[in-house]
N, C-alpha and C. Protein backbone atom coordinates (compact mmCIF):
# COMPACT_ATOMS: atom_id res chain seq x y z
N MET A 1 0.98 -1.27 -0.15
CA MET A 1 0.01 0.13 0.06
C MET A 1 0.87 1.49 -0.24
N THR A 2 0.48 1.79 -0.62
CA THR A 2 1.44 3.61 -0.47
C THR A 2 0.39 4.60 -0.28
N ARG A 3 0.88 5.00 0.55
CA ARG A 3 0.04 6.46 1.61
C ARG A 3 0.50 7.61 0.70
N TYR A 4 -0.76 8.48 0.48
CA TYR A 4 -0.28 9.49 -0.10
C TYR A 4 0.27 10.54 1.43
N ILE A 5 1.09 11.48 1.08
CA ILE A 5 2.17 11.95 1.96
C ILE A 5 1.47 13.80 2.01
N HIS A 6 1.42 14.39 2.60
CA HIS A 6 1.16 15.87 2.34
C HIS A 6 1.62 16.48 3.31
N SER A 7 2.12 17.71 3.38
CA SER A 7 2.91 18.21 4.25
C SER A 7 1.59 19.75 4.56
N CYS A 8 1.16 20.02 5.27
CA CYS A 8 0.00 21.24 5.73
C CYS A 8 0.29 22.12 6.76
N PRO A 9 0.62 23.19 6.04
CA PRO A 9 1.60 24.45 6.50
C PRO A 9 0.32 24.72 7.34
N LEU A 10 0.24 25.02 9.00
CA LEU A 10 -0.80 25.98 9.95
C LEU A 10 -0.61 27.17 9.56
N ARG A 11 -2.09 27.89 9.38
CA ARG A 11 -1.88 29.46 9.57
C ARG A 11 -2.59 29.96 10.67
N TRP A 12 -1.59 30.89 11.26
CA TRP A 12 -2.46 31.74 12.43
C TRP A 12 -4.19 31.65 12.52
N ALA A 13 -4.78 32.03 11.62
CA ALA A 13 -5.98 32.09 11.23
C ALA A 13 -6.38 30.59 11.62
N ASP A 14 -6.15 29.69 11.39
CA ASP A 14 -6.96 28.62 12.13
C ASP A 14 -7.33 27.94 13.28
N MET A 15 -6.39 28.53 14.49
CA MET A 15 -6.56 28.67 15.63
C MET A 15 -7.54 29.54 16.46
N ASP A 16 -8.32 28.53 17.39
CA ASP A 16 -9.39 28.97 18.03
C ASP A 16 -8.87 30.06 19.51
N ALA A 17 -9.95 30.33 19.89
CA ALA A 17 -9.26 31.49 21.67
C ALA A 17 -8.59 30.08 22.07
N ASN A 18 -8.44 28.72 22.54
CA ASN A 18 -7.67 27.60 23.22
C ASN A 18 -5.88 27.72 22.18
N GLY A 19 -5.94 28.13 21.10
CA GLY A 19 -4.62 28.11 20.91
C GLY A 19 -4.20 27.19 19.95
N HIS A 20 -5.35 26.43 19.48
CA HIS A 20 -4.99 25.09 18.95
C HIS A 20 -5.89 25.48 17.37
N VAL A 21 -5.80 24.03 16.72
CA VAL A 21 -6.66 24.36 15.57
C VAL A 21 -8.28 24.26 15.45
N ASN A 22 -8.92 25.14 15.06
CA ASN A 22 -10.28 24.66 15.29
C ASN A 22 -10.65 23.77 14.34
N ASN A 23 -11.81 23.11 15.33
CA ASN A 23 -12.46 21.64 15.08
C ASN A 23 -12.83 21.77 13.50
N ALA A 24 -13.61 22.63 13.00
CA ALA A 24 -14.11 22.82 11.28
C ALA A 24 -12.90 22.69 10.60
N VAL A 25 -11.58 23.72 10.87
CA VAL A 25 -10.51 23.87 9.67
C VAL A 25 -10.11 22.53 9.30
N TYR A 26 -10.40 21.31 10.24
CA TYR A 26 -9.46 20.03 10.10
C TYR A 26 -10.41 19.39 8.45
N ALA A 27 -11.59 20.05 8.40
CA ALA A 27 -12.56 19.60 7.45
C ALA A 27 -11.63 20.38 6.19
N VAL A 28 -11.38 21.94 6.40
CA VAL A 28 -10.50 21.93 5.04
C VAL A 28 -9.18 21.54 4.89
N TYR A 29 -8.65 21.25 5.79
CA TYR A 29 -7.10 20.59 5.56
C TYR A 29 -7.48 18.66 4.94
N LEU A 30 -8.69 18.77 5.00
CA LEU A 30 -8.74 17.43 4.45
C LEU A 30 -9.01 17.50 3.02
N GLU A 31 -9.91 18.57 2.55
CA GLU A 31 -10.30 18.95 1.24
C GLU A 31 -9.15 19.03 0.40
N ASP A 32 -8.22 19.36 1.17
CA ASP A 32 -6.98 20.04 0.60
C ASP A 32 -6.35 18.74 0.04
N VAL A 33 -5.70 18.08 1.18
CA VAL A 33 -5.32 16.81 0.34
C VAL A 33 -6.20 16.00 -0.31
N ARG A 34 -7.92 16.00 -0.40
CA ARG A 34 -8.10 15.08 -1.55
C ARG A 34 -7.70 15.51 -3.09
N PHE A 35 -7.86 17.08 -2.94
CA PHE A 35 -7.78 17.89 -4.12
C PHE A 35 -6.00 17.59 -4.56
N ARG A 36 -5.46 17.43 -3.81
CA ARG A 36 -4.06 17.46 -3.80
C ARG A 36 -3.75 15.89 -4.93
N MET A 37 -4.60 14.86 -3.37
CA MET A 37 -4.01 13.36 -4.14
C MET A 37 -5.02 13.27 -5.62
N PHE A 38 -6.16 13.37 -5.73
CA PHE A 38 -7.01 13.34 -6.85
C PHE A 38 -6.47 14.12 -8.30
N SER A 39 -5.55 15.25 -7.47
CA SER A 39 -4.83 15.89 -9.10
C SER A 39 -4.81 15.50 -10.40
N GLU A 40 -3.78 14.16 -10.32
CA GLU A 40 -3.78 13.55 -11.37
C GLU A 40 -5.16 12.77 -11.60
N LEU A 41 -6.21 12.88 -11.27
CA LEU A 41 -7.38 12.06 -11.57
C LEU A 41 -8.40 13.53 -12.56
N ILE A 42 -7.68 15.02 -12.80
CA ILE A 42 -8.91 15.62 -13.03
C ILE A 42 -8.11 15.80 -14.31
N PRO A 43 -9.14 15.43 -15.59
CA PRO A 43 -9.02 15.51 -17.14
C PRO A 43 -8.30 17.28 -17.56
N ASP A 44 -7.38 16.70 -18.42
CA ASP A 44 -6.51 18.21 -18.67
C ASP A 44 -7.48 19.16 -19.40
N ASP A 45 -8.85 18.91 -20.26
CA ASP A 45 -9.49 19.21 -20.65
C ASP A 45 -10.41 19.87 -20.27
N PRO A 46 -10.79 21.33 -19.85
CA PRO A 46 -11.79 22.01 -18.96
C PRO A 46 -13.24 21.40 -19.53
N SER A 47 -13.32 20.95 -20.78
CA SER A 47 -14.90 20.81 -21.28
C SER A 47 -15.35 19.24 -20.39
N GLU A 48 -14.30 18.49 -19.76
CA GLU A 48 -14.46 17.28 -19.59
C GLU A 48 -14.33 17.51 -17.92
N ARG A 49 -14.13 18.22 -17.24
CA ARG A 49 -14.20 18.27 -15.80
C ARG A 49 -15.59 17.98 -15.35
N LEU A 50 -16.60 18.63 -15.59
CA LEU A 50 -17.62 18.60 -14.85
C LEU A 50 -17.98 17.28 -14.74
N ALA A 51 -17.96 16.23 -16.05
CA ALA A 51 -18.32 15.06 -15.68
C ALA A 51 -17.38 13.91 -15.13
N SER A 52 -16.26 14.65 -14.43
CA SER A 52 -15.63 13.64 -13.41
C SER A 52 -15.19 14.12 -12.40
N ASN A 53 -16.53 14.55 -12.15
CA ASN A 53 -15.93 15.21 -10.35
C ASN A 53 -15.90 13.99 -9.18
N PHE A 54 -16.21 14.56 -7.78
CA PHE A 54 -15.93 13.69 -6.69
C PHE A 54 -17.02 14.35 -6.09
N VAL A 55 -17.38 13.79 -4.88
CA VAL A 55 -18.00 14.41 -3.86
C VAL A 55 -18.32 13.42 -2.69
N VAL A 56 -18.14 14.40 -1.44
CA VAL A 56 -18.16 13.76 -0.41
C VAL A 56 -19.40 13.26 0.35
N HIS A 57 -19.73 12.05 0.12
CA HIS A 57 -20.89 11.26 0.44
C HIS A 57 -21.04 11.59 2.33
N GLU A 58 -19.84 11.11 3.03
CA GLU A 58 -20.00 11.01 3.94
C GLU A 58 -18.37 11.07 4.85
N GLN A 59 -18.59 12.14 6.25
CA GLN A 59 -17.07 12.45 6.22
C GLN A 59 -17.02 12.18 8.03
N THR A 60 -16.36 11.06 8.41
CA THR A 60 -16.18 11.13 9.99
C THR A 60 -14.78 11.32 10.60
N LEU A 61 -14.90 12.19 11.65
CA LEU A 61 -13.66 12.80 11.62
C LEU A 61 -13.33 12.30 13.22
N ARG A 62 -12.39 11.28 14.12
CA ARG A 62 -12.08 11.54 15.24
C ARG A 62 -10.76 12.23 15.68
N PHE A 63 -11.20 12.91 16.60
CA PHE A 63 -10.18 14.40 17.21
C PHE A 63 -9.39 13.81 18.54
N VAL A 64 -8.14 13.16 18.45
CA VAL A 64 -7.86 12.68 19.38
C VAL A 64 -6.85 13.53 20.39
N ARG A 65 -6.03 14.37 19.91
CA ARG A 65 -5.52 15.10 20.72
C ARG A 65 -5.19 16.61 20.27
N PRO A 66 -5.52 17.87 20.48
CA PRO A 66 -5.27 19.44 19.76
C PRO A 66 -4.09 19.62 19.48
N LEU A 67 -3.95 19.92 18.01
CA LEU A 67 -2.65 20.01 17.45
C LEU A 67 -2.66 21.90 17.80
N VAL A 68 -1.57 22.45 18.14
CA VAL A 68 -1.53 23.52 18.86
C VAL A 68 -0.54 24.33 17.55
N TYR A 69 -0.94 25.59 17.50
CA TYR A 69 -0.19 26.27 16.21
C TYR A 69 1.49 25.90 16.54
N ARG A 70 2.44 26.09 15.35
CA ARG A 70 3.42 26.41 15.63
C ARG A 70 3.70 26.39 14.01
N SER A 71 4.88 26.81 13.62
CA SER A 71 5.55 27.15 12.21
C SER A 71 5.50 25.97 11.68
N GLU A 72 6.10 24.67 12.26
CA GLU A 72 6.42 23.71 10.92
C GLU A 72 4.62 22.80 10.83
N PRO A 73 5.07 22.34 9.52
CA PRO A 73 3.79 21.99 8.98
C PRO A 73 3.37 20.45 9.75
N ALA A 74 2.21 19.89 9.60
CA ALA A 74 1.47 18.93 10.12
C ALA A 74 1.47 18.24 9.11
N THR A 75 1.84 17.01 9.06
CA THR A 75 1.54 15.63 8.08
C THR A 75 0.50 14.82 8.10
N ILE A 76 0.05 14.81 6.81
CA ILE A 76 -1.66 14.07 6.48
C ILE A 76 -1.01 12.97 5.56
N GLU A 77 -1.22 12.23 6.39
CA GLU A 77 -1.06 10.54 5.17
C GLU A 77 -2.76 10.14 4.71
N ALA A 78 -2.68 9.77 3.68
CA ALA A 78 -4.26 9.26 2.89
C ALA A 78 -4.32 7.43 2.57
N TRP A 79 -5.05 7.26 2.13
CA TRP A 79 -4.92 6.13 2.00
C TRP A 79 -6.44 5.51 1.49
N VAL A 80 -6.56 4.83 0.87
CA VAL A 80 -7.92 4.29 0.28
C VAL A 80 -7.67 3.01 1.03
N GLU A 81 -9.18 2.87 1.68
CA GLU A 81 -9.72 1.75 2.50
C GLU A 81 -9.98 0.61 1.29
N ASN A 82 -10.84 0.99 0.73
CA ASN A 82 -11.74 0.05 0.12
C ASN A 82 -11.68 1.13 -1.50
N VAL A 83 -12.20 0.36 -2.95
CA VAL A 83 -12.77 1.07 -3.77
C VAL A 83 -13.68 -0.09 -4.47
N ARG A 84 -15.05 0.46 -4.31
CA ARG A 84 -16.31 0.13 -5.00
C ARG A 84 -16.30 0.45 -6.27
N GLY A 85 -17.24 0.31 -7.36
CA GLY A 85 -18.03 0.95 -7.91
C GLY A 85 -17.90 2.29 -8.84
N ALA A 86 -18.55 3.23 -7.26
CA ALA A 86 -18.95 4.21 -7.67
C ALA A 86 -18.21 5.12 -6.55
N SER A 87 -17.32 3.98 -5.76
CA SER A 87 -17.63 5.31 -4.39
C SER A 87 -16.10 4.26 -3.83
N ILE A 88 -15.40 5.28 -2.95
CA ILE A 88 -14.27 5.02 -2.53
C ILE A 88 -14.40 5.53 -0.62
N THR A 89 -13.30 3.98 0.09
CA THR A 89 -13.21 4.97 1.51
C THR A 89 -11.91 5.09 1.20
N LEU A 90 -12.22 6.73 1.94
CA LEU A 90 -10.44 6.92 2.18
C LEU A 90 -10.37 7.67 3.71
N CYS A 91 -9.11 6.95 3.91
CA CYS A 91 -8.83 7.40 5.38
C CYS A 91 -7.91 8.23 5.70
N CYS A 92 -7.85 9.58 6.59
CA CYS A 92 -6.22 10.17 6.74
C CYS A 92 -5.80 9.96 8.16
N GLU A 93 -5.21 10.34 8.29
CA GLU A 93 -4.70 11.26 9.81
C GLU A 93 -3.33 12.59 9.61
N ILE A 94 -4.13 13.42 10.36
CA ILE A 94 -2.90 14.50 10.41
C ILE A 94 -2.46 14.19 11.62
N LYS A 95 -0.90 14.13 11.72
CA LYS A 95 -0.05 13.39 12.53
C LYS A 95 1.31 14.63 12.97
N ASP A 96 2.31 13.97 13.74
CA ASP A 96 3.52 13.92 13.27
C ASP A 96 3.65 12.71 13.79
N GLY A 97 4.91 12.17 12.85
CA GLY A 97 5.39 10.91 13.65
C GLY A 97 4.15 10.12 14.34
N GLU A 98 4.33 9.64 15.24
CA GLU A 98 3.17 8.40 15.67
C GLU A 98 2.33 9.08 16.06
N ASP A 99 2.40 10.57 16.59
CA ASP A 99 1.29 11.32 17.32
C ASP A 99 0.06 11.51 16.36
N VAL A 100 -0.86 10.93 16.62
CA VAL A 100 -2.40 11.13 15.44
C VAL A 100 -2.61 12.29 16.16
N TYR A 101 -3.14 13.61 15.99
CA TYR A 101 -4.31 14.41 16.07
C TYR A 101 -5.57 14.20 15.84
N VAL A 102 -5.66 13.89 14.53
CA VAL A 102 -6.77 13.80 13.96
C VAL A 102 -7.02 12.15 12.91
N ALA A 103 -7.82 11.41 12.97
CA ALA A 103 -8.14 10.46 11.88
C ALA A 103 -9.52 10.84 11.55
N SER A 104 -9.28 10.45 10.21
CA SER A 104 -10.72 11.04 9.28
C SER A 104 -11.05 9.61 8.66
N ARG A 105 -12.43 8.93 8.48
CA ARG A 105 -12.79 8.45 7.10
C ARG A 105 -14.05 8.91 6.17
N SER A 106 -13.45 8.72 4.98
CA SER A 106 -14.67 9.86 4.34
C SER A 106 -14.93 9.09 2.98
N VAL A 107 -16.35 8.88 2.81
CA VAL A 107 -16.95 8.08 1.79
C VAL A 107 -17.28 9.11 0.20
N ILE A 108 -15.93 8.82 -0.49
CA ILE A 108 -16.32 9.29 -1.71
C ILE A 108 -16.73 9.22 -2.89
N ALA A 109 -17.70 9.78 -3.53
CA ALA A 109 -18.35 9.16 -4.45
C ALA A 109 -18.02 9.80 -6.05
N ALA A 110 -17.81 9.09 -7.09
CA ALA A 110 -17.55 9.62 -8.01
C ALA A 110 -18.80 10.39 -8.57
N PHE A 111 -18.76 11.38 -9.40
CA PHE A 111 -19.58 12.48 -9.51
C PHE A 111 -19.61 12.81 -11.22
N ASP A 112 -20.64 13.14 -11.70
CA ASP A 112 -21.02 13.68 -12.75
C ASP A 112 -21.90 15.06 -12.64
N SER A 113 -20.97 16.09 -12.59
CA SER A 113 -21.87 17.74 -12.57
C SER A 113 -22.60 18.09 -13.31
N ASN A 114 -22.76 17.12 -14.49
CA ASN A 114 -23.26 17.75 -15.74
C ASN A 114 -25.37 17.17 -15.71
N THR A 115 -24.83 15.68 -15.09
CA THR A 115 -26.37 15.10 -14.98
C THR A 115 -26.71 15.17 -13.64
N GLY A 116 -25.82 15.43 -12.93
CA GLY A 116 -26.49 15.46 -11.27
C GLY A 116 -26.63 14.11 -10.63
N ARG A 117 -25.48 13.54 -11.31
CA ARG A 117 -25.30 11.83 -10.68
C ARG A 117 -24.29 11.34 -10.45
N VAL A 118 -24.54 10.33 -9.74
CA VAL A 118 -23.27 9.06 -9.43
C VAL A 118 -23.07 8.77 -10.89
N ARG A 119 -21.88 8.14 -10.73
CA ARG A 119 -21.37 7.54 -12.27
C ARG A 119 -19.83 6.56 -11.46
N ARG A 120 -19.48 6.22 -12.38
CA ARG A 120 -19.06 4.68 -12.44
C ARG A 120 -17.41 5.33 -12.51
N PHE A 121 -16.46 4.91 -11.60
CA PHE A 121 -15.19 4.90 -12.09
C PHE A 121 -14.42 4.71 -13.46
N SER A 122 -13.39 5.45 -13.85
CA SER A 122 -12.60 5.12 -15.28
C SER A 122 -12.02 3.94 -14.92
N GLU A 123 -11.54 3.66 -15.88
CA GLU A 123 -10.27 2.49 -15.47
C GLU A 123 -9.31 3.02 -14.70
N HIS A 124 -8.91 4.10 -15.35
CA HIS A 124 -7.99 5.11 -15.15
C HIS A 124 -7.97 5.24 -13.76
N GLU A 125 -9.47 5.94 -13.09
CA GLU A 125 -9.41 6.20 -11.78
C GLU A 125 -9.57 5.26 -11.06
N ARG A 126 -9.66 4.07 -11.62
CA ARG A 126 -9.60 3.00 -10.39
C ARG A 126 -8.44 2.44 -10.57
N ASN A 127 -7.49 2.76 -11.29
CA ASN A 127 -6.29 1.85 -11.22
C ASN A 127 -5.50 2.79 -10.42
N VAL A 128 -5.44 4.62 -10.23
CA VAL A 128 -4.81 5.59 -9.42
C VAL A 128 -5.33 5.28 -8.01
N LEU A 129 -6.43 5.19 -7.59
CA LEU A 129 -7.21 4.98 -6.52
C LEU A 129 -6.58 3.70 -5.70
N THR A 130 -6.57 2.62 -6.64
CA THR A 130 -6.35 1.10 -5.98
C THR A 130 -4.60 1.25 -5.61
N SER A 131 -4.23 2.01 -6.40
CA SER A 131 -2.50 1.90 -6.22
C SER A 131 -2.23 2.89 -4.95
N TYR A 132 -3.70 3.58 -3.98
CA TYR A 132 -3.20 3.88 -2.17
C TYR A 132 -4.48 3.17 -1.65
N ALA A 133 -4.70 1.97 -1.89
CA ALA A 133 -5.61 1.16 -1.30
C ALA A 133 -4.98 0.32 -0.18
N THR A 134 -5.36 0.00 0.89
CA THR A 134 -4.62 -0.97 1.60
C THR A 134 -5.15 -2.72 1.32
């Protein structure tokens, strides 16, 4: 299994009154890692992009410990737990070394924005996503 690794910079604006990353900001971090991980799946031709989207169907976050602001980025590790015909389960950990701050599990569906419907993964998409599967 290959994990997708992303170095996530912390911004001062991400902090709440307690000096740690606000819980809502973690969803933005996860959105960023999904975009970067899936970037090779985005068609080069802009006219094809609406037919090749992905949507978050379900997302669960487990807050393990607070992430306090510092200048060093956090690490986000992402991997695919399973691949189905039209969706995957994507797991992520926001961490430093072995210290996990947040663990997430998201169901991501392949989506055609032109029709407003879920679609099946293309062979290319399935191959790329399977390369990150456990």
